[in-house]
N, C-alpha and C. Protein backbone atom coordinates (compact mmCIF):
# COMPACT_ATOMS: atom_id res chain seq x y z
N MET A 1 -13.97 306.32 -132.59
CA MET A 1 -14.43 307.69 -132.67
C MET A 1 -13.28 308.55 -133.19
N ARG A 2 -13.61 309.43 -134.10
CA ARG A 2 -12.60 310.28 -134.74
C ARG A 2 -12.15 311.37 -133.76
N LYS A 3 -10.83 311.59 -133.75
CA LYS A 3 -10.30 312.66 -132.91
C LYS A 3 -10.56 314.00 -133.56
N LYS A 4 -10.48 315.06 -132.75
CA LYS A 4 -10.73 316.40 -133.25
C LYS A 4 -9.59 316.87 -134.15
N GLY A 5 -9.93 317.74 -135.08
CA GLY A 5 -8.95 318.32 -135.99
C GLY A 5 -9.53 318.44 -137.37
N THR A 6 -8.97 319.34 -138.14
CA THR A 6 -9.45 319.55 -139.50
C THR A 6 -8.89 318.46 -140.41
N ALA A 7 -9.47 318.37 -141.60
CA ALA A 7 -9.01 317.39 -142.58
C ALA A 7 -7.55 317.66 -142.95
N ALA A 8 -7.20 318.94 -143.05
CA ALA A 8 -5.82 319.28 -143.42
C ALA A 8 -4.84 318.87 -142.32
N GLU A 9 -5.24 319.05 -141.06
CA GLU A 9 -4.37 318.65 -139.96
C GLU A 9 -4.15 317.15 -139.96
N TRP A 10 -5.22 316.38 -140.21
CA TRP A 10 -5.09 314.93 -140.21
C TRP A 10 -4.29 314.45 -141.42
N GLU A 11 -4.42 315.15 -142.53
CA GLU A 11 -3.61 314.78 -143.69
C GLU A 11 -2.12 314.99 -143.38
N ARG A 12 -1.81 316.06 -142.68
CA ARG A 12 -0.44 316.33 -142.27
C ARG A 12 0.08 315.21 -141.36
N VAL A 13 -0.75 314.77 -140.41
CA VAL A 13 -0.36 313.68 -139.50
C VAL A 13 -0.12 312.39 -140.28
N ARG A 14 -1.00 312.12 -141.25
CA ARG A 14 -0.83 310.89 -142.06
C ARG A 14 0.46 310.95 -142.87
N ASN A 15 0.81 312.14 -143.36
CA ASN A 15 2.07 312.27 -144.11
C ASN A 15 3.28 312.11 -143.20
N ILE A 16 3.19 312.59 -141.98
CA ILE A 16 4.28 312.35 -141.00
C ILE A 16 4.42 310.85 -140.75
N ALA A 17 3.27 310.18 -140.62
CA ALA A 17 3.29 308.73 -140.42
C ALA A 17 3.95 308.04 -141.62
N ALA A 18 3.66 308.52 -142.83
CA ALA A 18 4.26 307.93 -144.03
C ALA A 18 5.78 308.11 -144.01
N ASN A 19 6.23 309.28 -143.56
CA ASN A 19 7.68 309.50 -143.44
C ASN A 19 8.28 308.50 -142.46
N MET A 20 7.60 308.28 -141.35
CA MET A 20 8.11 307.35 -140.33
C MET A 20 8.06 305.91 -140.83
N ILE A 21 7.04 305.59 -141.63
CA ILE A 21 6.97 304.26 -142.22
C ILE A 21 8.14 304.06 -143.17
N ASP A 22 8.45 305.08 -143.97
CA ASP A 22 9.60 305.01 -144.88
C ASP A 22 10.91 304.79 -144.13
N GLN A 23 10.99 305.30 -142.89
CA GLN A 23 12.19 305.13 -142.08
C GLN A 23 12.24 303.77 -141.41
N GLY A 24 11.16 302.98 -141.58
CA GLY A 24 11.14 301.62 -141.03
C GLY A 24 10.69 301.52 -139.59
N GLN A 25 10.05 302.55 -139.07
CA GLN A 25 9.60 302.51 -137.67
C GLN A 25 8.37 301.61 -137.54
N ALA A 26 8.21 301.03 -136.39
CA ALA A 26 7.10 300.12 -136.12
C ALA A 26 5.80 300.92 -135.91
N PRO A 27 4.65 300.34 -136.30
CA PRO A 27 3.37 301.02 -136.12
C PRO A 27 3.10 301.45 -134.68
N ALA A 28 3.51 300.64 -133.70
CA ALA A 28 3.29 301.00 -132.30
C ALA A 28 4.08 302.26 -131.93
N ASP A 29 5.31 302.37 -132.44
CA ASP A 29 6.14 303.55 -132.15
C ASP A 29 5.56 304.79 -132.82
N ILE A 30 5.11 304.63 -134.06
CA ILE A 30 4.50 305.75 -134.79
C ILE A 30 3.24 306.21 -134.07
N ALA A 31 2.43 305.24 -133.65
CA ALA A 31 1.18 305.56 -132.96
C ALA A 31 1.45 306.33 -131.68
N ARG A 32 2.42 305.90 -130.93
CA ARG A 32 2.76 306.56 -129.69
C ARG A 32 3.24 307.99 -129.96
N ALA A 33 4.05 308.17 -130.98
CA ALA A 33 4.60 309.49 -131.30
C ALA A 33 3.52 310.46 -131.79
N LEU A 34 2.52 309.93 -132.51
CA LEU A 34 1.50 310.80 -133.10
C LEU A 34 0.22 310.87 -132.28
N GLY A 35 0.12 310.05 -131.24
CA GLY A 35 -1.06 310.08 -130.38
C GLY A 35 -2.29 309.45 -131.02
N VAL A 36 -2.08 308.41 -131.80
CA VAL A 36 -3.19 307.69 -132.42
C VAL A 36 -3.08 306.21 -132.07
N ALA A 37 -4.10 305.45 -132.43
CA ALA A 37 -4.09 304.02 -132.16
C ALA A 37 -3.17 303.30 -133.15
N ALA A 38 -2.55 302.22 -132.69
CA ALA A 38 -1.66 301.44 -133.56
C ALA A 38 -2.43 300.88 -134.75
N GLN A 39 -3.69 300.49 -134.55
CA GLN A 39 -4.51 299.98 -135.65
C GLN A 39 -4.69 301.05 -136.73
N THR A 40 -4.81 302.29 -136.32
CA THR A 40 -4.95 303.40 -137.27
C THR A 40 -3.69 303.51 -138.12
N VAL A 41 -2.54 303.40 -137.49
CA VAL A 41 -1.27 303.48 -138.22
C VAL A 41 -1.16 302.32 -139.19
N ARG A 42 -1.60 301.13 -138.76
CA ARG A 42 -1.55 299.97 -139.68
C ARG A 42 -2.45 300.20 -140.89
N GLU A 43 -3.63 300.84 -140.68
CA GLU A 43 -4.52 301.15 -141.81
C GLU A 43 -3.86 302.16 -142.73
N TRP A 44 -3.23 303.19 -142.16
CA TRP A 44 -2.54 304.19 -142.98
C TRP A 44 -1.41 303.54 -143.78
N ARG A 45 -0.67 302.63 -143.13
CA ARG A 45 0.44 301.95 -143.79
C ARG A 45 -0.08 301.13 -144.98
N ARG A 46 -1.18 300.42 -144.75
CA ARG A 46 -1.78 299.60 -145.82
C ARG A 46 -2.19 300.50 -147.00
N ASP A 47 -2.84 301.63 -146.69
CA ASP A 47 -3.26 302.55 -147.75
C ASP A 47 -2.05 303.15 -148.46
N TYR A 48 -1.04 303.53 -147.69
CA TYR A 48 0.16 304.14 -148.24
C TYR A 48 0.89 303.18 -149.16
N GLN A 49 0.99 301.93 -148.75
CA GLN A 49 1.69 300.94 -149.57
C GLN A 49 0.91 300.62 -150.84
N ALA A 50 -0.42 300.71 -150.76
CA ALA A 50 -1.24 300.40 -151.92
C ALA A 50 -1.34 301.58 -152.90
N GLY A 51 -1.41 302.81 -152.37
CA GLY A 51 -1.66 303.94 -153.26
C GLY A 51 -0.74 305.12 -153.12
N GLY A 52 0.31 304.99 -152.32
CA GLY A 52 1.24 306.09 -152.14
C GLY A 52 0.64 307.23 -151.32
N ARG A 53 1.26 308.39 -151.38
CA ARG A 53 0.80 309.53 -150.59
C ARG A 53 -0.59 310.00 -151.00
N ALA A 54 -0.94 309.78 -152.25
CA ALA A 54 -2.27 310.19 -152.71
C ALA A 54 -3.37 309.45 -151.93
N ALA A 55 -3.08 308.23 -151.49
CA ALA A 55 -4.07 307.47 -150.73
C ALA A 55 -4.27 308.03 -149.33
N LEU A 56 -3.32 308.85 -148.86
CA LEU A 56 -3.42 309.44 -147.53
C LEU A 56 -4.05 310.83 -147.56
N ALA A 57 -4.32 311.35 -148.76
CA ALA A 57 -4.89 312.69 -148.90
C ALA A 57 -6.32 312.70 -148.37
N SER A 58 -6.68 313.85 -147.82
CA SER A 58 -8.05 314.01 -147.33
C SER A 58 -8.98 314.21 -148.51
N GLY A 59 -10.11 313.55 -148.46
CA GLY A 59 -11.11 313.70 -149.50
C GLY A 59 -12.27 314.53 -148.99
N LYS A 60 -13.14 314.87 -149.89
CA LYS A 60 -14.33 315.63 -149.50
C LYS A 60 -15.21 314.70 -148.67
N PRO A 61 -15.71 315.18 -147.53
CA PRO A 61 -16.58 314.33 -146.72
C PRO A 61 -17.83 313.92 -147.50
N THR A 62 -18.18 312.69 -147.37
CA THR A 62 -19.38 312.22 -148.05
C THR A 62 -20.60 312.74 -147.31
N GLY A 63 -21.67 312.79 -147.97
CA GLY A 63 -22.90 313.27 -147.35
C GLY A 63 -24.09 312.72 -148.10
N ARG A 64 -25.22 313.06 -147.61
CA ARG A 64 -26.44 312.60 -148.24
C ARG A 64 -26.56 313.24 -149.62
N PRO A 65 -26.98 312.48 -150.63
CA PRO A 65 -27.15 313.07 -151.96
C PRO A 65 -28.25 314.14 -151.94
N ALA A 66 -28.10 315.14 -152.78
CA ALA A 66 -29.08 316.22 -152.84
C ALA A 66 -30.43 315.68 -153.31
N LYS A 67 -31.49 316.19 -152.71
CA LYS A 67 -32.84 315.77 -153.11
C LYS A 67 -33.26 316.39 -154.44
N LEU A 68 -32.74 317.59 -154.72
CA LEU A 68 -33.04 318.26 -155.98
C LEU A 68 -31.80 318.24 -156.86
N SER A 69 -31.99 317.88 -158.12
CA SER A 69 -30.87 317.88 -159.06
C SER A 69 -30.55 319.32 -159.45
N ALA A 70 -29.44 319.49 -160.15
CA ALA A 70 -29.05 320.82 -160.60
C ALA A 70 -30.10 321.39 -161.55
N ASP A 71 -30.67 320.56 -162.41
CA ASP A 71 -31.71 321.02 -163.32
C ASP A 71 -32.95 321.47 -162.56
N GLN A 72 -33.31 320.72 -161.52
CA GLN A 72 -34.47 321.09 -160.72
C GLN A 72 -34.23 322.40 -159.97
N ARG A 73 -33.02 322.60 -159.48
CA ARG A 73 -32.71 323.86 -158.80
C ARG A 73 -32.79 325.04 -159.78
N ALA A 74 -32.30 324.83 -160.99
CA ALA A 74 -32.39 325.88 -162.01
C ALA A 74 -33.85 326.18 -162.33
N ARG A 75 -34.65 325.14 -162.43
CA ARG A 75 -36.09 325.32 -162.70
C ARG A 75 -36.76 326.06 -161.55
N LEU A 76 -36.36 325.74 -160.31
CA LEU A 76 -36.91 326.43 -159.14
C LEU A 76 -36.61 327.92 -159.22
N ALA A 77 -35.39 328.27 -159.60
CA ALA A 77 -35.02 329.69 -159.73
C ALA A 77 -35.91 330.37 -160.75
N GLU A 78 -36.20 329.69 -161.86
CA GLU A 78 -37.10 330.25 -162.87
C GLU A 78 -38.51 330.44 -162.32
N LEU A 79 -38.97 329.48 -161.54
CA LEU A 79 -40.33 329.56 -160.98
C LEU A 79 -40.47 330.71 -159.99
N LEU A 80 -39.40 331.02 -159.29
CA LEU A 80 -39.48 332.03 -158.24
C LEU A 80 -39.42 333.46 -158.77
N VAL A 81 -39.14 333.62 -160.05
CA VAL A 81 -39.08 334.96 -160.63
C VAL A 81 -40.48 335.58 -160.65
N ALA A 82 -41.49 334.78 -160.92
CA ALA A 82 -42.87 335.28 -160.96
C ALA A 82 -43.44 335.30 -159.54
N PRO A 83 -44.40 336.17 -159.27
CA PRO A 83 -45.01 336.21 -157.94
C PRO A 83 -45.79 334.94 -157.63
N PRO A 84 -46.00 334.64 -156.36
CA PRO A 84 -46.70 333.41 -155.98
C PRO A 84 -48.09 333.28 -156.60
N ALA A 85 -48.79 334.40 -156.77
CA ALA A 85 -50.14 334.34 -157.33
C ALA A 85 -50.13 333.74 -158.73
N GLU A 86 -49.06 333.99 -159.49
CA GLU A 86 -48.96 333.44 -160.85
C GLU A 86 -48.59 331.96 -160.85
N ARG A 87 -48.13 331.46 -159.74
CA ARG A 87 -47.76 330.05 -159.63
C ARG A 87 -48.82 329.23 -158.91
N GLY A 88 -50.00 329.81 -158.74
CA GLY A 88 -51.11 329.05 -158.17
C GLY A 88 -51.35 329.27 -156.70
N PHE A 89 -50.72 330.25 -156.11
CA PHE A 89 -50.93 330.57 -154.70
C PHE A 89 -51.75 331.85 -154.63
N ALA A 90 -53.04 331.72 -154.80
CA ALA A 90 -53.95 332.87 -154.89
C ALA A 90 -53.87 333.72 -153.62
N GLY A 91 -53.91 335.03 -153.83
CA GLY A 91 -53.92 335.95 -152.71
C GLY A 91 -52.56 336.16 -152.07
N ARG A 92 -51.52 335.57 -152.62
CA ARG A 92 -50.17 335.72 -152.06
C ARG A 92 -49.35 336.62 -152.97
N TYR A 93 -48.64 337.56 -152.38
CA TYR A 93 -47.88 338.51 -153.18
C TYR A 93 -46.37 338.37 -152.98
N LEU A 94 -45.98 337.73 -151.89
CA LEU A 94 -44.56 337.54 -151.59
C LEU A 94 -44.26 336.07 -151.33
N TRP A 95 -43.08 335.65 -151.74
CA TRP A 95 -42.65 334.28 -151.47
C TRP A 95 -42.18 334.17 -150.02
N THR A 96 -42.67 333.18 -149.32
CA THR A 96 -42.16 332.84 -148.00
C THR A 96 -41.49 331.48 -148.11
N GLN A 97 -40.72 331.12 -147.10
CA GLN A 97 -40.06 329.82 -147.15
C GLN A 97 -41.08 328.69 -147.18
N GLN A 98 -42.17 328.86 -146.46
CA GLN A 98 -43.20 327.81 -146.47
C GLN A 98 -43.85 327.70 -147.85
N LEU A 99 -44.12 328.82 -148.49
CA LEU A 99 -44.69 328.78 -149.84
C LEU A 99 -43.73 328.11 -150.82
N ILE A 100 -42.44 328.41 -150.68
CA ILE A 100 -41.46 327.80 -151.57
C ILE A 100 -41.37 326.30 -151.31
N ALA A 101 -41.46 325.89 -150.05
CA ALA A 101 -41.47 324.45 -149.73
C ALA A 101 -42.68 323.79 -150.37
N ASP A 102 -43.83 324.47 -150.32
CA ASP A 102 -45.04 323.93 -150.96
C ASP A 102 -44.88 323.86 -152.48
N LEU A 103 -44.24 324.86 -153.07
CA LEU A 103 -43.99 324.88 -154.51
C LEU A 103 -43.08 323.71 -154.90
N ILE A 104 -42.02 323.49 -154.14
CA ILE A 104 -41.10 322.39 -154.41
C ILE A 104 -41.82 321.05 -154.34
N LEU A 105 -42.67 320.90 -153.34
CA LEU A 105 -43.43 319.65 -153.22
C LEU A 105 -44.34 319.46 -154.42
N ARG A 106 -45.03 320.53 -154.81
CA ARG A 106 -45.97 320.43 -155.93
C ARG A 106 -45.25 320.19 -157.26
N GLU A 107 -44.15 320.89 -157.49
CA GLU A 107 -43.47 320.81 -158.79
C GLU A 107 -42.57 319.58 -158.93
N PHE A 108 -41.88 319.23 -157.82
CA PHE A 108 -40.86 318.18 -157.92
C PHE A 108 -41.16 316.95 -157.07
N GLY A 109 -42.20 317.02 -156.24
CA GLY A 109 -42.54 315.87 -155.40
C GLY A 109 -41.55 315.62 -154.28
N VAL A 110 -40.83 316.65 -153.86
CA VAL A 110 -39.82 316.51 -152.82
C VAL A 110 -40.21 317.37 -151.63
N THR A 111 -40.15 316.78 -150.43
CA THR A 111 -40.53 317.49 -149.22
C THR A 111 -39.30 318.07 -148.54
N PHE A 112 -39.39 319.35 -148.18
CA PHE A 112 -38.36 320.02 -147.41
C PHE A 112 -39.02 320.74 -146.25
N HIS A 113 -38.34 320.78 -145.12
CA HIS A 113 -38.80 321.62 -144.01
C HIS A 113 -38.59 323.07 -144.45
N HIS A 114 -39.53 323.92 -144.08
CA HIS A 114 -39.45 325.31 -144.54
C HIS A 114 -38.17 326.02 -144.09
N ASP A 115 -37.58 325.61 -142.97
CA ASP A 115 -36.33 326.23 -142.53
C ASP A 115 -35.17 325.88 -143.46
N HIS A 116 -35.22 324.71 -144.10
CA HIS A 116 -34.13 324.29 -144.99
C HIS A 116 -34.22 324.99 -146.34
N VAL A 117 -35.37 325.52 -146.66
CA VAL A 117 -35.56 326.20 -147.94
C VAL A 117 -34.57 327.37 -148.08
N GLY A 118 -34.27 328.05 -146.98
CA GLY A 118 -33.30 329.15 -147.02
C GLY A 118 -31.93 328.69 -147.49
N VAL A 119 -31.53 327.49 -147.09
CA VAL A 119 -30.24 326.93 -147.51
C VAL A 119 -30.25 326.70 -149.03
N ILE A 120 -31.35 326.17 -149.53
CA ILE A 120 -31.48 325.91 -150.97
C ILE A 120 -31.45 327.23 -151.74
N LEU A 121 -32.19 328.22 -151.24
CA LEU A 121 -32.23 329.51 -151.91
C LEU A 121 -30.85 330.15 -151.97
N LYS A 122 -30.11 330.06 -150.89
CA LYS A 122 -28.76 330.63 -150.88
C LYS A 122 -27.88 329.91 -151.90
N ALA A 123 -28.03 328.60 -152.01
CA ALA A 123 -27.22 327.81 -152.94
C ALA A 123 -27.50 328.19 -154.40
N ILE A 124 -28.73 328.62 -154.69
CA ILE A 124 -29.04 328.99 -156.08
C ILE A 124 -28.94 330.49 -156.33
N GLY A 125 -28.41 331.22 -155.33
CA GLY A 125 -28.10 332.62 -155.54
C GLY A 125 -29.15 333.62 -155.07
N PHE A 126 -30.15 333.19 -154.35
CA PHE A 126 -31.15 334.11 -153.83
C PHE A 126 -30.74 334.59 -152.45
N THR A 127 -31.19 335.78 -152.08
CA THR A 127 -30.93 336.31 -150.76
C THR A 127 -32.25 336.64 -150.09
N HIS A 128 -32.22 336.70 -148.76
CA HIS A 128 -33.43 337.08 -148.03
C HIS A 128 -33.73 338.54 -148.32
N GLN A 129 -34.95 338.81 -148.61
CA GLN A 129 -35.37 340.18 -148.91
C GLN A 129 -36.59 340.51 -148.07
N LYS A 130 -36.68 341.75 -147.68
CA LYS A 130 -37.88 342.25 -147.03
C LYS A 130 -38.40 343.39 -147.88
N PRO A 131 -39.68 343.43 -148.13
CA PRO A 131 -40.20 344.53 -148.93
C PRO A 131 -40.10 345.84 -148.16
N MET A 132 -39.83 346.92 -148.88
CA MET A 132 -39.82 348.23 -148.25
C MET A 132 -41.25 348.60 -147.91
N ARG A 133 -41.44 349.09 -146.72
CA ARG A 133 -42.79 349.48 -146.31
C ARG A 133 -42.98 350.95 -146.66
N ARG A 134 -43.43 351.18 -147.86
CA ARG A 134 -43.68 352.54 -148.32
C ARG A 134 -45.05 352.59 -148.97
N ALA A 135 -45.74 353.65 -148.72
CA ALA A 135 -47.07 353.82 -149.29
C ALA A 135 -46.97 354.01 -150.81
N ARG A 136 -47.94 353.50 -151.52
CA ARG A 136 -47.97 353.68 -152.97
C ARG A 136 -48.16 355.14 -153.34
N GLU A 137 -48.84 355.87 -152.45
CA GLU A 137 -49.15 357.27 -152.72
C GLU A 137 -47.95 358.18 -152.44
N ARG A 138 -46.86 357.64 -151.96
CA ARG A 138 -45.70 358.43 -151.57
C ARG A 138 -45.21 359.27 -152.75
N ASP A 139 -45.03 360.56 -152.49
CA ASP A 139 -44.58 361.49 -153.53
C ASP A 139 -43.22 362.05 -153.10
N GLU A 140 -42.16 361.55 -153.71
CA GLU A 140 -40.80 361.93 -153.32
C GLU A 140 -40.55 363.43 -153.50
N ALA A 141 -41.14 364.04 -154.53
CA ALA A 141 -40.94 365.47 -154.78
C ALA A 141 -41.52 366.29 -153.63
N LYS A 142 -42.71 365.93 -153.17
CA LYS A 142 -43.34 366.65 -152.06
C LYS A 142 -42.54 366.48 -150.76
N ILE A 143 -42.02 365.27 -150.55
CA ILE A 143 -41.24 365.01 -149.34
C ILE A 143 -39.97 365.86 -149.36
N GLU A 144 -39.30 365.91 -150.50
CA GLU A 144 -38.08 366.70 -150.61
C GLU A 144 -38.37 368.19 -150.41
N ALA A 145 -39.49 368.67 -150.96
CA ALA A 145 -39.87 370.08 -150.78
C ALA A 145 -40.13 370.38 -149.31
N TRP A 146 -40.79 369.47 -148.61
CA TRP A 146 -41.07 369.66 -147.18
C TRP A 146 -39.76 369.72 -146.39
N ARG A 147 -38.85 368.82 -146.72
CA ARG A 147 -37.55 368.81 -146.02
C ARG A 147 -36.78 370.10 -146.29
N ARG A 148 -36.88 370.61 -147.47
CA ARG A 148 -36.14 371.81 -147.85
C ARG A 148 -36.77 373.08 -147.28
N ASP A 149 -38.13 373.15 -147.26
CA ASP A 149 -38.81 374.39 -146.89
C ASP A 149 -39.37 374.36 -145.47
N ALA A 150 -40.17 373.39 -145.15
CA ALA A 150 -40.89 373.38 -143.88
C ALA A 150 -40.00 372.96 -142.70
N TRP A 151 -39.17 371.96 -142.87
CA TRP A 151 -38.36 371.44 -141.78
C TRP A 151 -37.42 372.48 -141.18
N PRO A 152 -36.68 373.23 -141.97
CA PRO A 152 -35.81 374.26 -141.36
C PRO A 152 -36.60 375.30 -140.56
N ALA A 153 -37.79 375.66 -141.05
CA ALA A 153 -38.62 376.62 -140.31
C ALA A 153 -39.04 376.05 -138.97
N LEU A 154 -39.37 374.77 -138.93
CA LEU A 154 -39.74 374.13 -137.67
C LEU A 154 -38.57 374.07 -136.71
N LEU A 155 -37.37 373.81 -137.23
CA LEU A 155 -36.20 373.74 -136.37
C LEU A 155 -35.90 375.08 -135.70
N LYS A 156 -36.20 376.17 -136.40
CA LYS A 156 -35.97 377.51 -135.83
C LYS A 156 -36.88 377.77 -134.63
N LYS A 157 -38.05 377.15 -134.60
CA LYS A 157 -38.99 377.37 -133.54
C LYS A 157 -38.67 376.57 -132.27
N VAL A 158 -37.84 375.56 -132.39
CA VAL A 158 -37.52 374.70 -131.26
C VAL A 158 -36.55 375.43 -130.34
N ARG A 159 -36.86 375.40 -129.06
CA ARG A 159 -35.96 376.04 -128.08
C ARG A 159 -34.71 375.19 -127.90
N ARG A 160 -33.62 375.87 -127.79
CA ARG A 160 -32.35 375.18 -127.55
C ARG A 160 -32.16 375.05 -126.05
N PRO A 161 -31.67 373.92 -125.56
CA PRO A 161 -31.42 373.79 -124.12
C PRO A 161 -30.30 374.73 -123.68
N ALA A 162 -30.47 375.29 -122.50
CA ALA A 162 -29.45 376.20 -121.96
C ALA A 162 -28.22 375.40 -121.58
N GLY A 163 -27.11 375.92 -121.89
CA GLY A 163 -25.96 375.13 -121.47
C GLY A 163 -24.74 375.61 -122.00
């Protein structure tokens, strides 16, 4: 089981071990000094002797390959520019994560949980948006006139608390 610590911290420990190996110290002594198993030090020594300090460098952690290629992600971004109704989701006006998951399945044949769709969207540069709840009939000029004329008159009528 791997001990706690960042990749950079462990790379530093491996480089200290390399210095101690260069000084001719035994793996058991190095292990005791660094708080690791002797077998670990022997593995580091083998790597160090085969590839030098570069072999002790921390690499990017491996992970599961992406289900969508870069081209597919770019295509997804293009698809999301149009409203859902234009992409075959009748009666829908806003994209939801579930709708996007359905779109991905239909277009690319890849299944994603709707919660993971947010991670994909962030990776391709989209952000969560909420539509502004404003009436279509809203008239900004009338609202500004009311604030300028009617509101101050109403404030004059309000009693001020004694104090």
